[in-house]
């Protein structure tokens, strides 16, 4: 099963979803802004991605500064911020068979399929 954490307002997210469909996949679409990932979901995503928490964050979002976050904050602080404010999560994230990839560029997700 393939799943995408998707934001339909994001061009990269739309492009990644279109790419998956063109490649013959029918991913489960999770509108992560409406169905926010839990801290546990985010931890699992980080493990599948093999990246530190900061690599999954949109540090340019106003909410990042508004919450007083920094790139050197502990992992648990960053995960809690993403769980409470899902727009801080980089998008899109695609999951397949225990692996994950951030669709920036969209073609990056092809490596895990």
Foldseek 3Di string as FASTA:
>chain_A
DKEKQADVVDPQRVVLCVVCVVVPDDHHYHPCQVVPDALVRLVLQCVQAVHQLLVQFPCPDPVCVVVVHDSPDDRVVSSVSCRVGVVRGQDMWMDDDSHIDHPVPSCRRVVVD
